[in-house]
């Protein structure tokens, strides 16, 4: 069932690459509204996740076929009484189950180990690609959208942007920005919140990583719920 579901989702995304784009509309709309409030003209129409979505869909299709194949293997082994086939099926299923269980336990109960692997990757995207509120590349627009929607700043805090090699700390004639304008609690044409950030006017000390983590694992239970469901089905 899980294999067929993954296969079906992969096919849907492949046939309609814009399917995943629709999921980002809310974030992009908030980003556009924030840029407008800041007096910045920003074109988000060029932003597309279609290519990434197609790659992701291929992974889903392939893995879905694999899981479905394993299930068929088990059915054949059980129906025909083929002990070697059942042993192979049991080993594959056990490996998949233990792998997923270990990943869930690491993510949920050993967060430090997970953080040490994931956080640096996120920070690298800021260092290498972030350009500012008026940036048009995909990484920049995703970061700006997340920071505006989640009311946060950077991975850990505003210090993550000190290494952003491509970030122009000047916007609409205002220079000396300490934080991205997207980190401001209220975005306007007055960039004081980015030049002189404080807890009252900026989210500069609130990391997006923790906000997203809390939303996914604590507030909504999305990740754990999906993982637990898959484990139970298996």
C-alpha atoms as a PDB file:
ATOM      1  CA  UNK A   1       0.000   0.000   0.000  1.00  0.00           C
ATOM      2  CA  UNK A   2       2.789   2.418   0.916  1.00  0.00           C
ATOM      3  CA  UNK A   3       4.646   1.548  -2.279  1.00  0.00           C
ATOM      4  CA  UNK A   4       1.569   2.127  -4.429  1.00  0.00           C
ATOM      5  CA  UNK A   5       0.855   5.415  -2.642  1.00  0.00           C
ATOM      6  CA  UNK A   6       4.402   6.670  -3.243  1.00  0.00           C
ATOM      7  CA  UNK A   7       4.203   5.543  -6.874  1.00  0.00           C
ATOM      8  CA  UNK A   8       0.887   7.368  -7.366  1.00  0.00           C
ATOM      9  CA  UNK A   9       2.146  10.582  -5.761  1.00  0.00           C
ATOM     10  CA  UNK A  10       5.275  10.458  -7.903  1.00  0.00           C
ATOM     11  CA  UNK A  11       3.214  10.061 -11.074  1.00  0.00           C
ATOM     12  CA  UNK A  12       0.941  12.976 -10.104  1.00  0.00           C
ATOM     13  CA  UNK A  13       3.937  15.261  -9.537  1.00  0.00           C
ATOM     14  CA  UNK A  14       5.562  14.138 -12.789  1.00  0.00           C
ATOM     15  CA  UNK A  15       2.426  14.741 -14.826  1.00  0.00           C
ATOM     16  CA  UNK A  16       1.846  18.109 -13.163  1.00  0.00           C
ATOM     17  CA  UNK A  17       5.198  19.649 -12.088  1.00  0.00           C
ATOM     18  CA  UNK A  18       3.335  22.776 -11.015  1.00  0.00           C
ATOM     19  CA  UNK A  19       1.508  20.702  -8.382  1.00  0.00           C
ATOM     20  CA  UNK A  20       4.303  21.301  -5.862  1.00  0.00           C
ATOM     21  CA  UNK A  21       4.576  24.944  -6.907  1.00  0.00           C
ATOM     22  CA  UNK A  22       1.059  25.539  -5.615  1.00  0.00           C
ATOM     23  CA  UNK A  23       2.168  24.504  -2.140  1.00  0.00           C
ATOM     24  CA  UNK A  24       4.571  27.462  -2.089  1.00  0.00           C
ATOM     25  CA  UNK A  25       2.029  30.050  -3.146  1.00  0.00           C
ATOM     26  CA  UNK A  26       1.296  31.141   0.421  1.00  0.00           C
ATOM     27  CA  UNK A  27       4.976  31.676   1.213  1.00  0.00           C
ATOM     28  CA  UNK A  28       5.633  33.499  -2.059  1.00  0.00           C
ATOM     29  CA  UNK A  29       2.576  35.708  -1.577  1.00  0.00           C
ATOM     30  CA  UNK A  30       3.788  36.718   1.877  1.00  0.00           C
ATOM     31  CA  UNK A  31       7.246  37.381   0.471  1.00  0.00           C
ATOM     32  CA  UNK A  32       5.771  39.565  -2.258  1.00  0.00           C
ATOM     33  CA  UNK A  33       3.680  41.457   0.299  1.00  0.00           C
ATOM     34  CA  UNK A  34       6.739  41.974   2.501  1.00  0.00           C
ATOM     35  CA  UNK A  35       8.807  43.285  -0.396  1.00  0.00           C
ATOM     36  CA  UNK A  36       6.015  45.662  -1.389  1.00  0.00           C
ATOM     37  CA  UNK A  37       5.774  46.960   2.191  1.00  0.00           C
ATOM     38  CA  UNK A  38       9.515  47.586   2.115  1.00  0.00           C
ATOM     39  CA  UNK A  39       9.206  49.571  -1.092  1.00  0.00           C
ATOM     40  CA  UNK A  40      11.059  46.933  -3.092  1.00  0.00           C
ATOM     41  CA  UNK A  41       9.937  45.643  -6.469  1.00  0.00           C
ATOM     42  CA  UNK A  42      10.332  41.886  -6.450  1.00  0.00           C
ATOM     43  CA  UNK A  43       9.445  39.469  -9.218  1.00  0.00           C
ATOM     44  CA  UNK A  44       8.706  35.996  -7.869  1.00  0.00           C
ATOM     45  CA  UNK A  45       7.174  34.712 -11.102  1.00  0.00           C
ATOM     46  CA  UNK A  46      10.487  33.219 -12.204  1.00  0.00           C
ATOM     47  CA  UNK A  47      10.740  31.110  -9.061  1.00  0.00           C
ATOM     48  CA  UNK A  48       9.957  27.511  -9.857  1.00  0.00           C
ATOM     49  CA  UNK A  49      10.502  24.207  -8.130  1.00  0.00           C
ATOM     50  CA  UNK A  50       9.385  22.223 -11.162  1.00  0.00           C
ATOM     51  CA  UNK A  51      12.820  20.741 -11.897  1.00  0.00           C
ATOM     52  CA  UNK A  52      13.341  19.738  -8.276  1.00  0.00           C
ATOM     53  CA  UNK A  53       9.808  18.362  -8.140  1.00  0.00           C
ATOM     54  CA  UNK A  54      10.388  16.159 -11.184  1.00  0.00           C
ATOM     55  CA  UNK A  55      13.576  14.749  -9.624  1.00  0.00           C
ATOM     56  CA  UNK A  56      11.726  14.118  -6.369  1.00  0.00           C
ATOM     57  CA  UNK A  57       8.869  12.448  -8.240  1.00  0.00           C
ATOM     58  CA  UNK A  58      11.288  10.064  -9.967  1.00  0.00           C
ATOM     59  CA  UNK A  59      12.677   9.060  -6.567  1.00  0.00           C
ATOM     60  CA  UNK A  60       9.129   8.447  -5.308  1.00  0.00           C
ATOM     61  CA  UNK A  61       8.220   6.360  -8.358  1.00  0.00           C
ATOM     62  CA  UNK A  62      11.373   4.227  -8.174  1.00  0.00           C
ATOM     63  CA  UNK A  63      11.102   3.669  -4.418  1.00  0.00           C
ATOM     64  CA  UNK A  64       7.368   3.030  -4.743  1.00  0.00           C
ATOM     65  CA  UNK A  65       7.985   0.352  -7.377  1.00  0.00           C
ATOM     66  CA  UNK A  66      10.664  -1.175  -5.136  1.00  0.00           C
ATOM     67  CA  UNK A  67       8.313  -1.377  -2.134  1.00  0.00           C
ATOM     68  CA  UNK A  68       5.505  -2.765  -4.279  1.00  0.00           C
ATOM     69  CA  UNK A  69       7.929  -5.339  -5.691  1.00  0.00           C
ATOM     70  CA  UNK A  70       8.932  -6.397  -2.188  1.00  0.00           C
ATOM     71  CA  UNK A  71       5.251  -6.799  -1.275  1.00  0.00           C
ATOM     72  CA  UNK A  72       4.617  -8.930  -4.378  1.00  0.00           C
ATOM     73  CA  UNK A  73       7.646 -11.020  -3.450  1.00  0.00           C
ATOM     74  CA  UNK A  74       6.104 -11.701  -0.046  1.00  0.00           C
ATOM     75  CA  UNK A  75       2.735 -12.614  -1.556  1.00  0.00           C
ATOM     76  CA  UNK A  76       4.313 -15.020  -4.046  1.00  0.00           C
ATOM     77  CA  UNK A  77       6.406 -16.608  -1.317  1.00  0.00           C
ATOM     78  CA  UNK A  78       3.382 -17.084   0.938  1.00  0.00           C
ATOM     79  CA  UNK A  79       1.006 -18.338  -1.777  1.00  0.00           C
ATOM     80  CA  UNK A  80       3.472 -20.757  -3.323  1.00  0.00           C
ATOM     81  CA  UNK A  81       5.141 -21.807  -0.102  1.00  0.00           C
ATOM     82  CA  UNK A  82       8.593 -20.798  -1.358  1.00  0.00           C
ATOM     83  CA  UNK A  83      10.722 -20.642   1.773  1.00  0.00           C
ATOM     84  CA  UNK A  84      13.807 -19.002   0.133  1.00  0.00           C
ATOM     85  CA  UNK A  85      11.591 -16.227  -1.277  1.00  0.00           C
ATOM     86  CA  UNK A  86       9.979 -15.672   2.123  1.00  0.00           C
ATOM     87  CA  UNK A  87      13.404 -15.453   3.761  1.00  0.00           C
ATOM     88  CA  UNK A  88      14.517 -12.812   1.246  1.00  0.00           C
ATOM     89  CA  UNK A  89      11.247 -10.928   1.798  1.00  0.00           C
ATOM     90  CA  UNK A  90      11.676 -11.066   5.570  1.00  0.00           C
ATOM     91  CA  UNK A  91      15.275  -9.815   5.418  1.00  0.00           C
ATOM     92  CA  UNK A  92      14.431  -6.892   3.109  1.00  0.00           C
ATOM     93  CA  UNK A  93      11.404  -5.909   5.206  1.00  0.00           C
ATOM     94  CA  UNK A  94      13.381  -6.153   8.444  1.00  0.00           C
ATOM     95  CA  UNK A  95      16.198  -3.986   7.071  1.00  0.00           C
ATOM     96  CA  UNK A  96      13.714  -1.353   5.861  1.00  0.00           C
ATOM     97  CA  UNK A  97      11.859  -1.384   9.171  1.00  0.00           C
ATOM     98  CA  UNK A  98      15.001  -1.093  11.307  1.00  0.00           C
ATOM     99  CA  UNK A  99      16.422   1.659   9.077  1.00  0.00           C
ATOM    100  CA  UNK A 100      13.261   3.752   9.398  1.00  0.00           C
ATOM    101  CA  UNK A 101      13.005   3.070  13.121  1.00  0.00           C
ATOM    102  CA  UNK A 102      16.613   4.134  13.709  1.00  0.00           C
ATOM    103  CA  UNK A 103      16.110   7.322  11.672  1.00  0.00           C
ATOM    104  CA  UNK A 104      12.978   8.223  13.636  1.00  0.00           C
ATOM    105  CA  UNK A 105      14.732   7.592  16.952  1.00  0.00           C
ATOM    106  CA  UNK A 106      17.755   9.673  15.917  1.00  0.00           C
ATOM    107  CA  UNK A 107      15.625  12.574  14.678  1.00  0.00           C
ATOM    108  CA  UNK A 108      13.310  12.618  17.678  1.00  0.00           C
ATOM    109  CA  UNK A 109      15.458  11.472  20.588  1.00  0.00           C
ATOM    110  CA  UNK A 110      19.015  12.334  19.535  1.00  0.00           C
ATOM    111  CA  UNK A 111      18.447  15.766  18.080  1.00  0.00           C
ATOM    112  CA  UNK A 112      22.035  16.944  18.589  1.00  0.00           C
ATOM    113  CA  UNK A 113      23.408  14.304  16.228  1.00  0.00           C
ATOM    114  CA  UNK A 114      20.787  15.210  13.637  1.00  0.00           C
ATOM    115  CA  UNK A 115      21.459  18.935  14.056  1.00  0.00           C
ATOM    116  CA  UNK A 116      25.199  18.531  13.547  1.00  0.00           C
ATOM    117  CA  UNK A 117      24.528  17.021  10.147  1.00  0.00           C
ATOM    118  CA  UNK A 118      21.670  19.205   8.924  1.00  0.00           C
ATOM    119  CA  UNK A 119      22.366  22.692  10.279  1.00  0.00           C
ATOM    120  CA  UNK A 120      25.684  23.245   8.454  1.00  0.00           C
ATOM    121  CA  UNK A 121      23.984  22.402   5.142  1.00  0.00           C
ATOM    122  CA  UNK A 122      21.322  25.041   5.713  1.00  0.00           C
ATOM    123  CA  UNK A 123      23.913  27.624   6.735  1.00  0.00           C
ATOM    124  CA  UNK A 124      25.886  26.891   3.575  1.00  0.00           C
ATOM    125  CA  UNK A 125      22.886  27.942   1.481  1.00  0.00           C
ATOM    126  CA  UNK A 126      22.948  31.336   3.216  1.00  0.00           C
ATOM    127  CA  UNK A 127      26.711  31.689   2.835  1.00  0.00           C
ATOM    128  CA  UNK A 128      26.736  30.757  -0.840  1.00  0.00           C
ATOM    129  CA  UNK A 129      23.453  32.057  -2.233  1.00  0.00           C
ATOM    130  CA  UNK A 130      21.594  34.578  -0.050  1.00  0.00           C
ATOM    131  CA  UNK A 131      21.476  38.058  -1.639  1.00  0.00           C
ATOM    132  CA  UNK A 132      18.825  40.055   0.271  1.00  0.00           C
ATOM    133  CA  UNK A 133      15.142  40.986   0.202  1.00  0.00           C
ATOM    134  CA  UNK A 134      15.331  41.949  -3.471  1.00  0.00           C
ATOM    135  CA  UNK A 135      17.113  38.724  -4.431  1.00  0.00           C
ATOM    136  CA  UNK A 136      15.614  36.703  -7.261  1.00  0.00           C
ATOM    137  CA  UNK A 137      17.367  33.354  -6.946  1.00  0.00           C
ATOM    138  CA  UNK A 138      15.389  30.463  -5.522  1.00  0.00           C
ATOM    139  CA  UNK A 139      17.415  30.006  -2.329  1.00  0.00           C
ATOM    140  CA  UNK A 140      17.104  33.681  -1.401  1.00  0.00           C
ATOM    141  CA  UNK A 141      13.365  33.774  -2.016  1.00  0.00           C
ATOM    142  CA  UNK A 142      12.805  30.596  -0.022  1.00  0.00           C
ATOM    143  CA  UNK A 143      14.779  32.008   2.920  1.00  0.00           C
ATOM    144  CA  UNK A 144      12.962  35.347   2.782  1.00  0.00           C
ATOM    145  CA  UNK A 145       9.598  33.606   2.564  1.00  0.00           C
ATOM    146  CA  UNK A 146      10.374  31.340   5.514  1.00  0.00           C
ATOM    147  CA  UNK A 147      11.684  34.199   7.674  1.00  0.00           C
ATOM    148  CA  UNK A 148       8.620  36.332   7.006  1.00  0.00           C
ATOM    149  CA  UNK A 149       6.091  33.521   7.451  1.00  0.00           C
ATOM    150  CA  UNK A 150       7.734  31.816  10.446  1.00  0.00           C
ATOM    151  CA  UNK A 151       8.833  35.121  12.053  1.00  0.00           C
ATOM    152  CA  UNK A 152      12.444  34.026  12.422  1.00  0.00           C
ATOM    153  CA  UNK A 153      15.937  34.912  11.227  1.00  0.00           C
ATOM    154  CA  UNK A 154      18.564  32.600   9.762  1.00  0.00           C
ATOM    155  CA  UNK A 155      19.227  29.055  10.897  1.00  0.00           C
ATOM    156  CA  UNK A 156      20.198  29.901  14.491  1.00  0.00           C
ATOM    157  CA  UNK A 157      19.933  33.702  14.444  1.00  0.00           C
ATOM    158  CA  UNK A 158      21.015  36.811  12.521  1.00  0.00           C
ATOM    159  CA  UNK A 159      24.712  35.943  12.923  1.00  0.00           C
ATOM    160  CA  UNK A 160      24.331  33.330  10.197  1.00  0.00           C
ATOM    161  CA  UNK A 161      24.238  36.161   7.654  1.00  0.00           C
ATOM    162  CA  UNK A 162      27.658  37.513   8.643  1.00  0.00           C
ATOM    163  CA  UNK A 163      29.161  34.947   6.275  1.00  0.00           C
ATOM    164  CA  UNK A 164      26.715  35.604   3.416  1.00  0.00           C
ATOM    165  CA  UNK A 165      29.237  36.498   0.713  1.00  0.00           C
ATOM    166  CA  UNK A 166      26.628  37.684  -1.795  1.00  0.00           C
ATOM    167  CA  UNK A 167      24.403  39.672   0.559  1.00  0.00           C
ATOM    168  CA  UNK A 168      24.466  43.357  -0.320  1.00  0.00           C
ATOM    169  CA  UNK A 169      23.873  45.132   2.991  1.00  0.00           C
ATOM    170  CA  UNK A 170      22.344  48.058   1.150  1.00  0.00           C
ATOM    171  CA  UNK A 171      18.696  48.262   0.149  1.00  0.00           C
ATOM    172  CA  UNK A 172      16.937  51.132  -1.596  1.00  0.00           C
ATOM    173  CA  UNK A 173      19.737  53.525  -0.692  1.00  0.00           C
ATOM    174  CA  UNK A 174      19.928  52.418   2.945  1.00  0.00           C
ATOM    175  CA  UNK A 175      23.270  50.883   3.909  1.00  0.00           C
ATOM    176  CA  UNK A 176      24.691  49.233   7.006  1.00  0.00           C
ATOM    177  CA  UNK A 177      22.023  46.569   7.435  1.00  0.00           C
ATOM    178  CA  UNK A 178      22.815  44.225  10.315  1.00  0.00           C
ATOM    179  CA  UNK A 179      20.021  41.762   9.601  1.00  0.00           C
ATOM    180  CA  UNK A 180      18.023  41.013   6.455  1.00  0.00           C
ATOM    181  CA  UNK A 181      14.874  43.129   6.222  1.00  0.00           C
ATOM    182  CA  UNK A 182      12.918  39.855   6.137  1.00  0.00           C
ATOM    183  CA  UNK A 183      13.880  39.395   9.806  1.00  0.00           C
ATOM    184  CA  UNK A 184      11.911  42.491  10.839  1.00  0.00           C
ATOM    185  CA  UNK A 185       8.699  41.954  12.781  1.00  0.00           C
ATOM    186  CA  UNK A 186       6.991  44.635  10.710  1.00  0.00           C
ATOM    187  CA  UNK A 187       8.387  45.304   7.252  1.00  0.00           C
ATOM    188  CA  UNK A 188       8.179  48.868   5.978  1.00  0.00           C
ATOM    189  CA  UNK A 189      10.218  51.375   3.994  1.00  0.00           C
ATOM    190  CA  UNK A 190      11.870  52.361   7.271  1.00  0.00           C
ATOM    191  CA  UNK A 191      14.706  49.877   7.633  1.00  0.00           C
ATOM    192  CA  UNK A 192      15.577  50.824  11.216  1.00  0.00           C
ATOM    193  CA  UNK A 193      14.629  47.323  12.329  1.00  0.00           C
ATOM    194  CA  UNK A 194      17.380  45.918  10.104  1.00  0.00           C
ATOM    195  CA  UNK A 195      19.960  48.619  10.903  1.00  0.00           C
ATOM    196  CA  UNK A 196      19.333  48.732  14.649  1.00  0.00           C
ATOM    197  CA  UNK A 197      17.588  45.468  15.495  1.00  0.00           C
ATOM    198  CA  UNK A 198      16.148  44.805  18.933  1.00  0.00           C
ATOM    199  CA  UNK A 199      13.828  42.236  20.446  1.00  0.00           C
ATOM    200  CA  UNK A 200      10.925  44.642  20.009  1.00  0.00           C
ATOM    201  CA  UNK A 201      11.334  45.318  16.283  1.00  0.00           C
ATOM    202  CA  UNK A 202      13.101  42.231  14.947  1.00  0.00           C
ATOM    203  CA  UNK A 203      13.087  38.444  15.065  1.00  0.00           C
ATOM    204  CA  UNK A 204      16.881  38.593  14.879  1.00  0.00           C
ATOM    205  CA  UNK A 205      17.527  36.143  17.739  1.00  0.00           C
ATOM    206  CA  UNK A 206      14.891  33.599  16.751  1.00  0.00           C
ATOM    207  CA  UNK A 207      16.306  30.830  14.572  1.00  0.00           C
ATOM    208  CA  UNK A 208      14.189  29.383  11.780  1.00  0.00           C
ATOM    209  CA  UNK A 209      15.566  25.895  12.373  1.00  0.00           C
ATOM    210  CA  UNK A 210      13.985  25.635  15.814  1.00  0.00           C
ATOM    211  CA  UNK A 211      10.756  27.214  14.598  1.00  0.00           C
ATOM    212  CA  UNK A 212      10.407  24.732  11.744  1.00  0.00           C
ATOM    213  CA  UNK A 213      11.423  21.841  13.998  1.00  0.00           C
ATOM    214  CA  UNK A 214       8.832  22.773  16.606  1.00  0.00           C
ATOM    215  CA  UNK A 215       6.153  23.166  13.950  1.00  0.00           C
ATOM    216  CA  UNK A 216       6.872  19.847  12.245  1.00  0.00           C
ATOM    217  CA  UNK A 217       7.561  17.661  15.271  1.00  0.00           C
ATOM    218  CA  UNK A 218       5.849  19.328  18.221  1.00  0.00           C
ATOM    219  CA  UNK A 219       2.948  21.490  17.074  1.00  0.00           C
ATOM    220  CA  UNK A 220       1.673  19.412  14.181  1.00  0.00           C
ATOM    221  CA  UNK A 221       3.467  16.095  14.610  1.00  0.00           C
ATOM    222  CA  UNK A 222       3.744  15.869  10.822  1.00  0.00           C
ATOM    223  CA  UNK A 223       7.049  14.020  10.564  1.00  0.00           C
ATOM    224  CA  UNK A 224       6.519  11.654  13.484  1.00  0.00           C
ATOM    225  CA  UNK A 225       2.939  10.956  12.394  1.00  0.00           C
ATOM    226  CA  UNK A 226       3.961  10.021   8.859  1.00  0.00           C
ATOM    227  CA  UNK A 227       6.920   7.951  10.022  1.00  0.00           C
ATOM    228  CA  UNK A 228       4.856   6.134  12.648  1.00  0.00           C
ATOM    229  CA  UNK A 229       2.135   5.428  10.100  1.00  0.00           C
ATOM    230  CA  UNK A 230       4.605   3.915   7.654  1.00  0.00           C
ATOM    231  CA  UNK A 231       6.186   1.791  10.394  1.00  0.00           C
ATOM    232  CA  UNK A 232       2.786   0.506  11.563  1.00  0.00           C
ATOM    233  CA  UNK A 233       1.709  -0.372   8.019  1.00  0.00           C
ATOM    234  CA  UNK A 234       4.947  -2.267   7.469  1.00  0.00           C
END
